Amino acid sequence: MRRLDQLLSNLGYCSRSEARTFLKKHAVTVRGLPVRDPTGKVAPADVLIDGEPLDHPDGLLLLLNKPLGLVCSHDEREGPRVYDLLPERWRARNPQVTSIGRLDKDTSGLILLTDRTELVHKYTSPKHKVPKLYRATTDRDLTPDLIPLFAAGTLLLEGEKAPCAPAELRLFPGAPRTAELVLTEGKYHQVRRMFAATGATVLTLHRVQFGALTLGDLPPGAYRHVTETEI
């Protein structure tokens, strides 16, 4: 059971101080009975707003195909954000919707967005070793000797004290400047820095898979809800 004003605020409908006004403007019912007192305790499943159930009262987990040019920051000064693709109500939720890990503005592909803090820990904690698959193109041909180098777990990036964890590099016959890389950690700009350590510059970078989750046919800029059976 939760206080109604707190519940409405957490889900982005209004602030707690605005809850009384919100109840006057909307038909809010609990178990079919109209409600005017925002301080009463309710079960989220019992609440209807204008005849509709609450908007994802158990939290959001979204899979987004991030386009190029967007940042995973909440700071509007950094430019267009992935959060700007979401409905205004979701952007007002508390806890706020945040990204699980980050993709820089020059990287596209799969990013997870959630207001469930336990999922942020689950997917980003190094001990869980969640695999992430990236597809990259580079400015020069990639050679097979890079496969054991990346897999050895000895590659030390500039400015780092610990080497990269073992990573799986996949090369493509007939496309020597295209590769896939599977990482189980998330150092700053890691894919770009790993290739840079071998003398190659990454020209394009796209995340294809996060754990068992894939983009499928989701177009750039679109998102879908991730179900409990998928996590």
Protein backbone atom coordinates (compact mmCIF):
# COMPACT_ATOMS: atom_id res chain seq x y z
CA MET A 1 0.00 0.00 0.00
CA ARG A 2 1.26 3.46 -0.89
CA ARG A 3 0.04 6.99 -0.35
CA LEU A 4 -1.86 8.10 -3.41
CA ASP A 5 -0.05 11.44 -3.76
CA GLN A 6 3.32 9.71 -3.55
CA LEU A 7 2.24 7.09 -6.06
CA LEU A 8 1.05 9.70 -8.57
CA SER A 9 4.29 11.63 -8.12
CA ASN A 10 6.49 8.55 -8.54
CA LEU A 11 4.73 7.67 -11.79
CA GLY A 12 5.04 11.17 -13.23
CA TYR A 13 1.38 12.21 -13.18
CA CYS A 14 1.97 15.23 -10.97
CA SER A 15 4.04 16.39 -8.02
CA ARG A 16 2.88 15.53 -4.50
CA SER A 17 1.89 19.16 -3.94
CA GLU A 18 -0.20 19.07 -7.13
CA ALA A 19 -1.99 15.82 -6.26
CA ARG A 20 -5.11 17.43 -4.79
CA THR A 21 -5.59 19.56 -7.91
CA PHE A 22 -4.94 16.51 -10.10
CA LEU A 23 -7.73 14.61 -8.33
CA LYS A 24 -10.14 17.47 -9.05
CA LYS A 25 -9.28 17.48 -12.76
CA HIS A 26 -9.35 13.72 -13.31
CA ALA A 27 -11.71 10.88 -12.48
CA VAL A 28 -9.54 8.89 -10.07
CA THR A 29 -11.13 5.82 -8.52
CA VAL A 30 -9.98 3.14 -6.12
CA ARG A 31 -11.89 -0.12 -6.46
CA GLY A 32 -14.52 1.80 -8.40
CA LEU A 33 -15.05 4.54 -5.81
CA PRO A 34 -14.13 8.18 -6.52
CA VAL A 35 -11.19 9.53 -4.52
CA ARG A 36 -10.56 13.10 -3.43
CA ASP A 37 -8.11 12.59 -0.55
CA PRO A 38 -4.52 12.31 -1.88
CA THR A 39 -3.14 11.16 1.48
CA GLY A 40 -4.95 7.82 1.61
CA LYS A 41 -3.07 4.58 1.07
CA VAL A 42 -3.92 2.50 -1.99
CA ALA A 43 -2.83 -0.57 -3.87
CA PRO A 44 -1.62 0.49 -7.35
CA ALA A 45 -3.65 -2.26 -9.01
CA ASP A 46 -6.86 -0.79 -7.55
CA VAL A 47 -6.37 2.70 -9.03
CA LEU A 48 -7.90 3.92 -12.27
CA ILE A 49 -7.34 7.36 -13.78
CA ASP A 50 -10.04 8.43 -16.20
CA GLY A 51 -10.96 4.78 -16.49
CA GLU A 52 -7.41 3.63 -17.28
CA PRO A 53 -5.04 1.63 -15.04
CA LEU A 54 -1.85 3.27 -13.81
CA ASP A 55 0.98 3.57 -16.31
CA HIS A 56 3.48 0.78 -15.50
CA PRO A 57 3.27 1.08 -11.69
CA ASP A 58 5.88 -1.68 -11.24
CA GLY A 59 8.52 0.22 -13.21
CA LEU A 60 9.75 0.65 -16.75
CA LEU A 61 12.33 -1.36 -18.66
CA LEU A 62 12.71 -0.24 -22.26
CA LEU A 63 14.88 -1.45 -25.11
CA LEU A 64 15.77 1.47 -27.39
CA ASN A 65 17.49 1.47 -30.76
CA LYS A 66 19.58 4.56 -30.13
CA PRO A 67 20.21 6.74 -33.19
CA LEU A 68 23.47 8.56 -33.75
CA GLY A 69 23.71 12.06 -32.31
CA LEU A 70 21.93 11.43 -29.00
CA VAL A 71 23.61 11.34 -25.59
CA CYS A 72 22.71 9.18 -22.58
CA SER A 73 22.92 12.14 -20.20
CA HIS A 74 20.15 13.90 -18.32
CA ASP A 75 21.96 17.22 -18.79
CA GLU A 76 20.23 19.15 -21.57
CA ARG A 77 23.38 21.20 -22.10
CA GLU A 78 25.08 18.15 -23.63
CA GLY A 79 22.71 18.10 -26.60
CA PRO A 80 19.79 15.93 -27.73
CA ARG A 81 19.18 13.09 -25.27
CA VAL A 82 17.80 9.57 -25.54
CA TYR A 83 15.25 10.57 -22.89
CA ASP A 84 13.76 13.14 -25.27
CA LEU A 85 12.35 10.18 -27.24
CA LEU A 86 10.15 9.17 -24.29
CA PRO A 87 6.71 10.47 -23.26
CA GLU A 88 6.82 13.47 -20.94
CA ARG A 89 5.21 11.51 -18.09
CA TRP A 90 7.99 8.93 -18.16
CA ARG A 91 10.60 11.66 -18.01
CA ALA A 92 8.94 12.92 -14.80
CA ARG A 93 9.03 9.57 -12.98
CA ASN A 94 10.82 9.21 -9.64
CA PRO A 95 13.18 7.37 -9.52
CA GLN A 96 14.00 8.88 -12.89
CA VAL A 97 14.40 6.77 -15.99
CA THR A 98 18.11 6.27 -16.64
CA SER A 99 20.24 4.30 -19.06
CA ILE A 100 21.86 1.00 -18.13
CA GLY A 101 25.39 1.78 -19.19
CA ARG A 102 25.94 4.39 -21.87
CA LEU A 103 26.49 4.77 -25.58
CA ASP A 104 28.22 7.95 -26.73
CA LYS A 105 26.62 10.17 -29.35
CA ASP A 106 28.72 8.60 -32.12
CA THR A 107 27.56 5.07 -31.25
CA SER A 108 24.18 3.65 -32.23
CA GLY A 109 22.24 0.57 -31.24
CA LEU A 110 20.78 -1.19 -28.25
CA ILE A 111 20.46 0.71 -24.98
CA LEU A 112 18.29 -0.19 -22.01
CA LEU A 113 16.36 2.49 -20.10
CA THR A 114 14.78 1.88 -16.71
CA ASP A 115 13.59 3.43 -13.47
CA ARG A 116 14.22 0.16 -11.64
CA THR A 117 17.47 0.68 -9.75
CA GLU A 118 17.96 -3.03 -9.07
CA LEU A 119 18.18 -3.68 -12.81
CA VAL A 120 20.87 -1.04 -13.26
CA HIS A 121 23.00 -2.95 -10.74
CA LYS A 122 22.15 -6.32 -12.27
CA TYR A 123 23.22 -5.34 -15.76
CA THR A 124 26.24 -3.15 -14.94
CA SER A 125 27.88 -4.95 -12.01
CA PRO A 126 31.20 -6.48 -13.18
CA LYS A 127 30.50 -9.68 -11.25
CA HIS A 128 27.52 -10.48 -13.48
CA LYS A 129 29.63 -10.31 -16.68
CA VAL A 130 26.70 -9.49 -18.95
CA PRO A 131 27.93 -9.88 -22.57
CA LYS A 132 27.47 -6.98 -24.98
CA LEU A 133 27.93 -7.42 -28.74
CA TYR A 134 29.21 -4.53 -30.88
CA ARG A 135 29.69 -4.28 -34.64
CA ALA A 136 32.47 -1.94 -35.76
CA THR A 137 34.04 -0.73 -38.97
CA THR A 138 37.61 0.55 -38.95
CA ASP A 139 39.93 2.62 -41.13
CA ARG A 140 42.25 -0.32 -41.87
CA ASP A 141 42.19 -4.06 -42.38
CA LEU A 142 41.93 -6.17 -39.22
CA THR A 143 44.13 -9.25 -39.03
CA PRO A 144 43.53 -12.63 -37.35
CA ASP A 145 46.33 -12.03 -34.83
CA LEU A 146 43.98 -9.61 -33.04
CA ILE A 147 41.67 -12.46 -32.03
CA PRO A 148 44.07 -14.06 -29.48
CA LEU A 149 45.27 -10.60 -28.39
CA PHE A 150 41.75 -9.52 -27.40
CA ALA A 151 40.97 -12.94 -25.90
CA ALA A 152 44.06 -13.06 -23.69
CA GLY A 153 42.84 -10.56 -21.10
CA THR A 154 46.20 -8.78 -21.14
CA LEU A 155 45.45 -5.73 -23.29
CA LEU A 156 46.13 -2.65 -21.19
CA LEU A 157 44.52 0.57 -22.34
CA GLU A 158 46.15 3.94 -21.88
CA GLY A 159 45.35 5.40 -18.48
CA GLU A 160 44.06 2.09 -17.06
CA LYS A 161 45.66 0.14 -14.22
CA ALA A 162 43.97 -3.18 -14.99
CA PRO A 163 43.94 -4.89 -18.39
CA CYS A 164 40.74 -5.51 -20.32
CA ALA A 165 38.85 -8.68 -19.51
CA PRO A 166 39.00 -11.35 -22.21
CA ALA A 167 36.92 -10.31 -25.21
CA GLU A 168 35.74 -12.26 -28.24
CA LEU A 169 36.65 -10.74 -31.60
CA ARG A 170 34.94 -11.99 -34.75
CA LEU A 171 36.29 -11.12 -38.19
CA PHE A 172 34.43 -11.40 -41.49
CA PRO A 173 36.01 -12.99 -44.58
CA GLY A 174 35.64 -10.60 -47.47
CA ALA A 175 35.09 -7.61 -45.15
CA PRO A 176 38.47 -7.09 -43.44
CA ARG A 177 37.49 -3.73 -41.95
CA THR A 178 34.34 -5.01 -40.25
CA ALA A 179 34.33 -6.89 -36.96
CA GLU A 180 32.14 -7.90 -34.04
CA LEU A 181 33.38 -7.67 -30.48
CA VAL A 182 31.81 -9.23 -27.38
CA LEU A 183 32.66 -7.52 -24.08
CA THR A 184 31.69 -8.41 -20.53
CA GLU A 185 32.75 -5.08 -19.01
CA GLY A 186 32.21 -1.43 -19.80
CA LYS A 187 35.33 0.71 -19.60
CA TYR A 188 35.08 4.26 -20.96
CA HIS A 189 34.94 4.15 -24.81
CA GLN A 190 36.34 0.63 -24.51
CA VAL A 191 35.71 -0.67 -28.03
CA ARG A 192 37.26 2.37 -29.66
CA ARG A 193 40.24 2.32 -27.30
CA MET A 194 40.87 -1.41 -27.79
CA PHE A 195 41.07 -1.02 -31.54
CA ALA A 196 43.12 2.17 -31.15
CA ALA A 197 45.65 0.20 -29.10
CA THR A 198 46.23 -1.94 -32.21
CA GLY A 199 46.56 1.07 -34.52
CA ALA A 200 43.03 1.04 -35.96
CA THR A 201 40.47 3.83 -35.73
CA VAL A 202 36.80 2.92 -35.34
CA LEU A 203 34.71 4.69 -37.96
CA THR A 204 31.27 3.32 -37.05
CA LEU A 205 30.09 1.50 -33.94
CA HIS A 206 26.74 -0.16 -33.32
CA ARG A 207 25.62 -2.26 -30.34
CA VAL A 208 23.67 -5.27 -31.57
CA GLN A 209 23.01 -7.25 -28.39
CA PHE A 210 22.89 -6.75 -24.61
CA GLY A 211 22.81 -10.03 -22.68
CA ALA A 212 20.08 -12.09 -24.34
CA LEU A 213 18.32 -8.99 -25.69
CA THR A 214 18.61 -8.07 -29.38
CA LEU A 215 17.27 -5.23 -31.51
CA GLY A 216 15.40 -7.47 -33.93
CA ASP A 217 13.66 -5.27 -36.51
CA LEU A 218 13.29 -2.27 -34.16
CA PRO A 219 14.00 0.87 -36.23
CA PRO A 220 16.36 3.65 -35.04
CA GLY A 221 14.68 5.95 -32.53
CA ALA A 222 12.04 3.37 -31.58
CA TYR A 223 11.72 1.49 -28.31
CA ARG A 224 9.77 -1.43 -26.89
CA HIS A 225 8.97 -2.71 -23.42
CA VAL A 226 11.05 -5.59 -22.13
CA THR A 227 8.96 -8.27 -20.43
CA GLU A 228 9.81 -9.97 -17.14
CA THR A 229 10.43 -13.26 -18.98
CA GLU A 230 13.21 -11.60 -20.98
CA ILE A 231 15.29 -10.47 -17.99
